All heavy atoms as atom14 arrays in JSON, in Angstrom:
{
  "sequence": "IVTIKCFEDNSLVAEQVKTAGNGRVLVVDGGGSPRRSL",
  "atom14_mask": [
    [1, 1, 1, 1, 1, 1, 1, 1, 0, 0, 0, 0, 0, 0],
    [1, 1, 1, 1, 1, 1, 1, 0, 0, 0, 0, 0, 0, 0],
    [1, 1, 1, 1, 1, 1, 1, 0, 0, 0, 0, 0, 0, 0],
    [1, 1, 1, 1, 1, 1, 1, 1, 0, 0, 0, 0, 0, 0],
    [1, 1, 1, 1, 1, 1, 1, 1, 1, 0, 0, 0, 0, 0],
    [1, 1, 1, 1, 1, 1, 0, 0, 0, 0, 0, 0, 0, 0],
    [1, 1, 1, 1, 1, 1, 1, 1, 1, 1, 1, 0, 0, 0],
    [1, 1, 1, 1, 1, 1, 1, 1, 1, 0, 0, 0, 0, 0],
    [1, 1, 1, 1, 1, 1, 1, 1, 0, 0, 0, 0, 0, 0],
    [1, 1, 1, 1, 1, 1, 1, 1, 0, 0, 0, 0, 0, 0],
    [1, 1, 1, 1, 1, 1, 0, 0, 0, 0, 0, 0, 0, 0],
    [1, 1, 1, 1, 1, 1, 1, 1, 0, 0, 0, 0, 0, 0],
    [1, 1, 1, 1, 1, 1, 1, 0, 0, 0, 0, 0, 0, 0],
    [1, 1, 1, 1, 1, 0, 0, 0, 0, 0, 0, 0, 0, 0],
    [1, 1, 1, 1, 1, 1, 1, 1, 1, 0, 0, 0, 0, 0],
    [1, 1, 1, 1, 1, 1, 1, 1, 1, 0, 0, 0, 0, 0],
    [1, 1, 1, 1, 1, 1, 1, 0, 0, 0, 0, 0, 0, 0],
    [1, 1, 1, 1, 1, 1, 1, 1, 1, 0, 0, 0, 0, 0],
    [1, 1, 1, 1, 1, 1, 1, 0, 0, 0, 0, 0, 0, 0],
    [1, 1, 1, 1, 1, 0, 0, 0, 0, 0, 0, 0, 0, 0],
    [1, 1, 1, 1, 0, 0, 0, 0, 0, 0, 0, 0, 0, 0],
    [1, 1, 1, 1, 1, 1, 1, 1, 0, 0, 0, 0, 0, 0],
    [1, 1, 1, 1, 0, 0, 0, 0, 0, 0, 0, 0, 0, 0],
    [1, 1, 1, 1, 1, 1, 1, 1, 1, 1, 1, 0, 0, 0],
    [1, 1, 1, 1, 1, 1, 1, 0, 0, 0, 0, 0, 0, 0],
    [1, 1, 1, 1, 1, 1, 1, 1, 0, 0, 0, 0, 0, 0],
    [1, 1, 1, 1, 1, 1, 1, 0, 0, 0, 0, 0, 0, 0],
    [1, 1, 1, 1, 1, 1, 1, 0, 0, 0, 0, 0, 0, 0],
    [1, 1, 1, 1, 1, 1, 1, 1, 0, 0, 0, 0, 0, 0],
    [1, 1, 1, 1, 0, 0, 0, 0, 0, 0, 0, 0, 0, 0],
    [1, 1, 1, 1, 0, 0, 0, 0, 0, 0, 0, 0, 0, 0],
    [1, 1, 1, 1, 0, 0, 0, 0, 0, 0, 0, 0, 0, 0],
    [1, 1, 1, 1, 1, 1, 0, 0, 0, 0, 0, 0, 0, 0],
    [1, 1, 1, 1, 1, 1, 1, 0, 0, 0, 0, 0, 0, 0],
    [1, 1, 1, 1, 1, 1, 1, 1, 1, 1, 1, 0, 0, 0],
    [1, 1, 1, 1, 1, 1, 1, 1, 1, 1, 1, 0, 0, 0],
    [1, 1, 1, 1, 1, 1, 0, 0, 0, 0, 0, 0, 0, 0],
    [1, 1, 1, 1, 1, 1, 1, 1, 0, 0, 0, 0, 0, 0]
  ],
  "atom14_positions": [
    [[5.36, -15.14, 10.24], [4.3, -14.36, 9.56], [4.49, -12.9, 9.6], [4.9, -12.3, 10.62], [2.98, -14.71, 10.26], [2.58, -16.17, 10.04], [1.82, -13.76, 9.73], [1.38, -16.6, 10.87], [0.0, 0.0, 0.0], [0.0, 0.0, 0.0], [0.0, 0.0, 0.0], [0.0, 0.0, 0.0], [0.0, 0.0, 0.0], [0.0, 0.0, 0.0]],
    [[4.26, -12.3, 8.45], [4.13, -10.87, 8.23], [2.68, -10.66, 7.76], [2.28, -11.37, 6.86], [5.12, -10.25, 7.22], [4.86, -8.8, 6.92], [6.55, -10.52, 7.69], [0.0, 0.0, 0.0], [0.0, 0.0, 0.0], [0.0, 0.0, 0.0], [0.0, 0.0, 0.0], [0.0, 0.0, 0.0], [0.0, 0.0, 0.0], [0.0, 0.0, 0.0]],
    [[1.91, -9.74, 8.32], [0.56, -9.56, 7.93], [0.26, -8.26, 7.2], [0.92, -7.22, 7.41], [-0.43, -9.63, 9.16], [-0.13, -8.5, 10.0], [-0.27, -10.9, 9.92], [0.0, 0.0, 0.0], [0.0, 0.0, 0.0], [0.0, 0.0, 0.0], [0.0, 0.0, 0.0], [0.0, 0.0, 0.0], [0.0, 0.0, 0.0], [0.0, 0.0, 0.0]],
    [[-0.71, -8.33, 6.32], [-1.27, -7.18, 5.66], [-2.8, -7.3, 5.62], [-3.28, -8.34, 5.3], [-0.77, -7.08, 4.18], [0.73, -6.73, 4.17], [-1.58, -5.98, 3.44], [1.32, -6.73, 2.74], [0.0, 0.0, 0.0], [0.0, 0.0, 0.0], [0.0, 0.0, 0.0], [0.0, 0.0, 0.0], [0.0, 0.0, 0.0], [0.0, 0.0, 0.0]],
    [[-3.45, -6.24, 5.98], [-4.93, -6.13, 5.83], [-5.2, -5.08, 4.82], [-4.77, -3.93, 4.93], [-5.56, -5.79, 7.19], [-7.11, -5.81, 7.12], [-7.62, -5.63, 8.51], [-9.17, -5.63, 8.54], [-9.69, -6.96, 8.26], [0.0, 0.0, 0.0], [0.0, 0.0, 0.0], [0.0, 0.0, 0.0], [0.0, 0.0, 0.0], [0.0, 0.0, 0.0]],
    [[-5.92, -5.52, 3.77], [-6.21, -4.58, 2.65], [-7.49, -5.07, 1.97], [-7.89, -6.17, 2.11], [-5.07, -4.48, 1.66], [-4.67, -6.09, 0.92], [0.0, 0.0, 0.0], [0.0, 0.0, 0.0], [0.0, 0.0, 0.0], [0.0, 0.0, 0.0], [0.0, 0.0, 0.0], [0.0, 0.0, 0.0], [0.0, 0.0, 0.0], [0.0, 0.0, 0.0]],
    [[-8.08, -4.16, 1.26], [-9.32, -4.51, 0.53], [-9.25, -3.98, -0.88], [-9.31, -2.77, -1.07], [-10.55, -3.97, 1.27], [-11.87, -4.48, 0.64], [-12.29, -5.78, 0.85], [-12.63, -3.59, -0.17], [-13.46, -6.19, 0.29], [-13.84, -4.1, -0.73], [-14.22, -5.37, -0.52], [0.0, 0.0, 0.0], [0.0, 0.0, 0.0], [0.0, 0.0, 0.0]],
    [[-9.1, -4.86, -1.83], [-9.1, -4.54, -3.24], [-8.02, -3.56, -3.6], [-8.14, -2.82, -4.6], [-10.5, -4.09, -3.73], [-11.53, -5.22, -3.55], [-12.9, -4.84, -4.04], [-13.13, -3.7, -4.5], [-13.81, -5.71, -3.89], [0.0, 0.0, 0.0], [0.0, 0.0, 0.0], [0.0, 0.0, 0.0], [0.0, 0.0, 0.0], [0.0, 0.0, 0.0]],
    [[-6.95, -3.52, -2.83], [-5.81, -2.58, -3.04], [-4.53, -3.38, -2.6], [-4.4, -3.56, -1.4], [-6.0, -1.33, -2.29], [-4.84, -0.36, -2.39], [-3.78, -0.72, -2.94], [-5.03, 0.8, -1.95], [0.0, 0.0, 0.0], [0.0, 0.0, 0.0], [0.0, 0.0, 0.0], [0.0, 0.0, 0.0], [0.0, 0.0, 0.0], [0.0, 0.0, 0.0]],
    [[-3.68, -3.71, -3.5], [-2.48, -4.49, -3.13], [-1.22, -3.64, -3.03], [-0.13, -4.16, -3.12], [-2.27, -5.64, -4.1], [-1.74, -5.22, -5.45], [-1.75, -4.04, -5.82], [-1.3, -6.19, -6.21], [0.0, 0.0, 0.0], [0.0, 0.0, 0.0], [0.0, 0.0, 0.0], [0.0, 0.0, 0.0], [0.0, 0.0, 0.0], [0.0, 0.0, 0.0]],
    [[-1.36, -2.34, -2.75], [-0.24, -1.44, -2.65], [0.78, -1.94, -1.62], [2.01, -1.96, -1.87], [-0.66, -0.03, -2.33], [-1.55, 0.48, -3.3], [0.0, 0.0, 0.0], [0.0, 0.0, 0.0], [0.0, 0.0, 0.0], [0.0, 0.0, 0.0], [0.0, 0.0, 0.0], [0.0, 0.0, 0.0], [0.0, 0.0, 0.0], [0.0, 0.0, 0.0]],
    [[0.32, -2.35, -0.45], [1.22, -2.86, 0.57], [1.86, -4.22, 0.24], [2.98, -4.5, 0.54], [0.52, -2.99, 1.93], [0.42, -1.69, 2.74], [-0.33, -1.92, 4.05], [1.81, -1.15, 3.09], [0.0, 0.0, 0.0], [0.0, 0.0, 0.0], [0.0, 0.0, 0.0], [0.0, 0.0, 0.0], [0.0, 0.0, 0.0], [0.0, 0.0, 0.0]],
    [[1.07, -5.03, -0.5], [1.61, -6.32, -0.99], [2.76, -6.06, -1.89], [3.87, -6.66, -1.72], [0.53, -7.18, -1.66], [1.12, -8.45, -2.19], [-0.62, -7.5, -0.7], [0.0, 0.0, 0.0], [0.0, 0.0, 0.0], [0.0, 0.0, 0.0], [0.0, 0.0, 0.0], [0.0, 0.0, 0.0], [0.0, 0.0, 0.0], [0.0, 0.0, 0.0]],
    [[2.63, -5.12, -2.81], [3.66, -4.77, -3.73], [4.91, -4.28, -3.0], [6.03, -4.59, -3.4], [3.16, -3.73, -4.76], [0.0, 0.0, 0.0], [0.0, 0.0, 0.0], [0.0, 0.0, 0.0], [0.0, 0.0, 0.0], [0.0, 0.0, 0.0], [0.0, 0.0, 0.0], [0.0, 0.0, 0.0], [0.0, 0.0, 0.0], [0.0, 0.0, 0.0]],
    [[4.71, -3.44, -2.0], [5.89, -2.97, -1.22], [6.61, -4.1, -0.52], [7.79, -4.2, -0.51], [5.4, -1.91, -0.2], [5.02, -0.59, -0.77], [4.5, 0.38, 0.33], [4.79, 0.12, 1.5], [3.77, 1.28, -0.06], [0.0, 0.0, 0.0], [0.0, 0.0, 0.0], [0.0, 0.0, 0.0], [0.0, 0.0, 0.0], [0.0, 0.0, 0.0]],
    [[5.83, -4.93, 0.2], [6.46, -5.98, 1.03], [7.2, -7.05, 0.19], [8.26, -7.44, 0.64], [5.39, -6.63, 1.88], [4.96, -5.78, 3.06], [6.13, -5.41, 3.93], [6.8, -6.2, 4.56], [6.42, -4.08, 3.99], [0.0, 0.0, 0.0], [0.0, 0.0, 0.0], [0.0, 0.0, 0.0], [0.0, 0.0, 0.0], [0.0, 0.0, 0.0]],
    [[6.7, -7.48, -0.92], [7.39, -8.53, -1.67], [8.68, -8.05, -2.21], [9.55, -8.85, -2.63], [6.51, -9.18, -2.74], [5.28, -9.88, -2.12], [6.09, -8.19, -3.83], [0.0, 0.0, 0.0], [0.0, 0.0, 0.0], [0.0, 0.0, 0.0], [0.0, 0.0, 0.0], [0.0, 0.0, 0.0], [0.0, 0.0, 0.0], [0.0, 0.0, 0.0]],
    [[8.85, -6.74, -2.26], [10.13, -6.17, -2.79], [11.16, -5.94, -1.7], [12.19, -5.43, -1.91], [9.84, -4.85, -3.46], [8.97, -5.03, -4.78], [8.55, -3.76, -5.37], [7.62, -4.05, -6.57], [6.99, -2.81, -7.06], [0.0, 0.0, 0.0], [0.0, 0.0, 0.0], [0.0, 0.0, 0.0], [0.0, 0.0, 0.0], [0.0, 0.0, 0.0]],
    [[10.81, -6.37, -0.43], [11.78, -6.32, 0.68], [12.24, -7.74, 0.94], [11.68, -8.72, 0.44], [11.08, -5.76, 1.98], [10.08, -6.69, 2.4], [10.47, -4.41, 1.72], [0.0, 0.0, 0.0], [0.0, 0.0, 0.0], [0.0, 0.0, 0.0], [0.0, 0.0, 0.0], [0.0, 0.0, 0.0], [0.0, 0.0, 0.0], [0.0, 0.0, 0.0]],
    [[13.31, -7.83, 1.77], [13.9, -9.11, 2.1], [12.91, -9.97, 2.85], [12.43, -9.59, 3.88], [15.19, -8.9, 2.88], [0.0, 0.0, 0.0], [0.0, 0.0, 0.0], [0.0, 0.0, 0.0], [0.0, 0.0, 0.0], [0.0, 0.0, 0.0], [0.0, 0.0, 0.0], [0.0, 0.0, 0.0], [0.0, 0.0, 0.0], [0.0, 0.0, 0.0]],
    [[12.57, -11.11, 2.31], [11.66, -12.02, 2.93], [12.25, -12.87, 4.04], [11.57, -13.22, 5.01], [0.0, 0.0, 0.0], [0.0, 0.0, 0.0], [0.0, 0.0, 0.0], [0.0, 0.0, 0.0], [0.0, 0.0, 0.0], [0.0, 0.0, 0.0], [0.0, 0.0, 0.0], [0.0, 0.0, 0.0], [0.0, 0.0, 0.0], [0.0, 0.0, 0.0]],
    [[13.49, -13.22, 3.85], [14.2, -14.0, 4.84], [13.41, -15.28, 5.3], [13.37, -15.63, 6.45], [14.5, -13.2, 6.13], [15.39, -12.01, 5.77], [16.37, -12.13, 5.06], [15.11, -10.84, 6.29], [0.0, 0.0, 0.0], [0.0, 0.0, 0.0], [0.0, 0.0, 0.0], [0.0, 0.0, 0.0], [0.0, 0.0, 0.0], [0.0, 0.0, 0.0]],
    [[12.73, -15.92, 4.32], [12.05, -17.17, 4.59], [10.69, -16.98, 5.32], [10.12, -17.92, 5.81], [0.0, 0.0, 0.0], [0.0, 0.0, 0.0], [0.0, 0.0, 0.0], [0.0, 0.0, 0.0], [0.0, 0.0, 0.0], [0.0, 0.0, 0.0], [0.0, 0.0, 0.0], [0.0, 0.0, 0.0], [0.0, 0.0, 0.0], [0.0, 0.0, 0.0]],
    [[10.24, -15.73, 5.37], [8.92, -15.52, 6.03], [7.76, -15.75, 5.07], [7.91, -15.95, 3.9], [8.9, -14.06, 6.57], [9.92, -13.81, 7.7], [9.95, -12.39, 8.11], [10.38, -11.54, 7.0], [10.31, -10.2, 6.98], [9.83, -9.57, 8.01], [10.73, -9.53, 5.92], [0.0, 0.0, 0.0], [0.0, 0.0, 0.0], [0.0, 0.0, 0.0]],
    [[6.57, -15.73, 5.63], [5.33, -15.91, 4.9], [4.45, -14.64, 5.04], [4.2, -14.18, 6.16], [4.52, -17.13, 5.43], [3.2, -17.27, 4.72], [5.35, -18.42, 5.29], [0.0, 0.0, 0.0], [0.0, 0.0, 0.0], [0.0, 0.0, 0.0], [0.0, 0.0, 0.0], [0.0, 0.0, 0.0], [0.0, 0.0, 0.0], [0.0, 0.0, 0.0]],
    [[4.0, -14.12, 3.96], [3.14, -13.01, 3.91], [1.72, -13.45, 3.94], [1.3, -14.26, 3.06], [3.41, -12.15, 2.68], [2.7, -10.8, 2.53], [3.11, -9.86, 3.68], [3.07, -10.19, 1.18], [0.0, 0.0, 0.0], [0.0, 0.0, 0.0], [0.0, 0.0, 0.0], [0.0, 0.0, 0.0], [0.0, 0.0, 0.0], [0.0, 0.0, 0.0]],
    [[0.97, -13.06, 4.98], [-0.49, -13.38, 5.1], [-1.27, -12.15, 4.82], [-1.1, -11.14, 5.52], [-0.77, -13.98, 6.5], [-2.22, -14.34, 6.56], [0.07, -15.22, 6.75], [0.0, 0.0, 0.0], [0.0, 0.0, 0.0], [0.0, 0.0, 0.0], [0.0, 0.0, 0.0], [0.0, 0.0, 0.0], [0.0, 0.0, 0.0], [0.0, 0.0, 0.0]],
    [[-2.08, -12.19, 3.81], [-2.87, -11.06, 3.33], [-4.34, -11.26, 3.55], [-4.97, -12.21, 3.01], [-2.63, -10.8, 1.84], [-3.35, -9.58, 1.35], [-1.12, -10.67, 1.56], [0.0, 0.0, 0.0], [0.0, 0.0, 0.0], [0.0, 0.0, 0.0], [0.0, 0.0, 0.0], [0.0, 0.0, 0.0], [0.0, 0.0, 0.0], [0.0, 0.0, 0.0]],
    [[-4.97, -10.4, 4.36], [-6.42, -10.41, 4.55], [-7.07, -9.45, 3.6], [-7.05, -8.26, 3.86], [-6.72, -10.1, 5.99], [-8.24, -10.11, 6.27], [-9.07, -10.27, 5.36], [-8.6, -9.97, 7.47], [0.0, 0.0, 0.0], [0.0, 0.0, 0.0], [0.0, 0.0, 0.0], [0.0, 0.0, 0.0], [0.0, 0.0, 0.0], [0.0, 0.0, 0.0]],
    [[-7.59, -9.97, 2.51], [-8.24, -9.16, 1.51], [-9.73, -9.17, 1.67], [-10.47, -8.78, 0.73], [0.0, 0.0, 0.0], [0.0, 0.0, 0.0], [0.0, 0.0, 0.0], [0.0, 0.0, 0.0], [0.0, 0.0, 0.0], [0.0, 0.0, 0.0], [0.0, 0.0, 0.0], [0.0, 0.0, 0.0], [0.0, 0.0, 0.0], [0.0, 0.0, 0.0]],
    [[-10.22, -9.62, 2.83], [-11.67, -9.65, 3.09], [-12.38, -10.71, 2.26], [-13.6, -10.7, 2.21], [0.0, 0.0, 0.0], [0.0, 0.0, 0.0], [0.0, 0.0, 0.0], [0.0, 0.0, 0.0], [0.0, 0.0, 0.0], [0.0, 0.0, 0.0], [0.0, 0.0, 0.0], [0.0, 0.0, 0.0], [0.0, 0.0, 0.0], [0.0, 0.0, 0.0]],
    [[-11.64, -11.53, 1.56], [-12.27, -12.6, 0.77], [-12.87, -12.15, -0.53], [-13.61, -12.82, -1.2], [0.0, 0.0, 0.0], [0.0, 0.0, 0.0], [0.0, 0.0, 0.0], [0.0, 0.0, 0.0], [0.0, 0.0, 0.0], [0.0, 0.0, 0.0], [0.0, 0.0, 0.0], [0.0, 0.0, 0.0], [0.0, 0.0, 0.0], [0.0, 0.0, 0.0]],
    [[-12.63, -10.86, -0.9], [-13.25, -10.29, -2.08], [-12.83, -10.95, -3.4], [-11.66, -11.05, -3.63], [-12.94, -8.79, -2.17], [-13.46, -8.27, -3.37], [0.0, 0.0, 0.0], [0.0, 0.0, 0.0], [0.0, 0.0, 0.0], [0.0, 0.0, 0.0], [0.0, 0.0, 0.0], [0.0, 0.0, 0.0], [0.0, 0.0, 0.0], [0.0, 0.0, 0.0]],
    [[-13.83, -11.39, -4.2], [-13.48, -11.98, -5.46], [-13.44, -10.98, -6.59], [-13.28, -11.35, -7.77], [-14.68, -12.99, -5.74], [-15.84, -12.25, -5.02], [-15.23, -11.54, -3.84], [0.0, 0.0, 0.0], [0.0, 0.0, 0.0], [0.0, 0.0, 0.0], [0.0, 0.0, 0.0], [0.0, 0.0, 0.0], [0.0, 0.0, 0.0], [0.0, 0.0, 0.0]],
    [[-13.59, -9.73, -6.35], [-13.69, -8.67, -7.37], [-12.34, -8.21, -7.91], [-12.24, -7.79, -9.02], [-14.45, -7.49, -6.86], [-15.91, -7.85, -6.54], [-16.7, -6.69, -6.2], [-16.12, -5.88, -5.13], [-16.78, -5.09, -4.34], [-18.1, -4.87, -4.57], [-16.18, -4.41, -3.44], [0.0, 0.0, 0.0], [0.0, 0.0, 0.0], [0.0, 0.0, 0.0]],
    [[-11.26, -8.29, -7.09], [-9.93, -7.77, -7.43], [-8.86, -8.78, -7.06], [-8.89, -9.38, -5.99], [-9.63, -6.45, -6.78], [-10.58, -5.34, -7.09], [-10.38, -4.78, -8.43], [-11.35, -3.73, -8.73], [-11.28, -2.94, -9.78], [-10.3, -3.09, -10.62], [-12.19, -2.03, -9.98], [0.0, 0.0, 0.0], [0.0, 0.0, 0.0], [0.0, 0.0, 0.0]],
    [[-7.82, -8.86, -7.88], [-6.68, -9.73, -7.59], [-5.73, -9.0, -6.69], [-5.43, -7.81, -6.93], [-6.0, -10.09, -8.89], [-4.72, -10.62, -8.64], [0.0, 0.0, 0.0], [0.0, 0.0, 0.0], [0.0, 0.0, 0.0], [0.0, 0.0, 0.0], [0.0, 0.0, 0.0], [0.0, 0.0, 0.0], [0.0, 0.0, 0.0], [0.0, 0.0, 0.0]],
    [[-5.21, -9.69, -5.67], [-4.24, -9.06, -4.79], [-2.8, -9.5, -5.07], [-1.87, -8.98, -4.42], [-4.59, -9.38, -3.32], [-5.91, -8.74, -2.88], [-6.23, -9.22, -1.44], [-5.88, -7.24, -2.97], [0.0, 0.0, 0.0], [0.0, 0.0, 0.0], [0.0, 0.0, 0.0], [0.0, 0.0, 0.0], [0.0, 0.0, 0.0], [0.0, 0.0, 0.0]]
  ]
}
């Protein structure tokens, strides 16, 4: 696991998916908000 905590802002998600994943899983805590796509 690699973790990201963000709210209605996927800037870190965009950065991380552009790095070597090496078979890891990105877990994103967006606070459950249905207002914005992460």
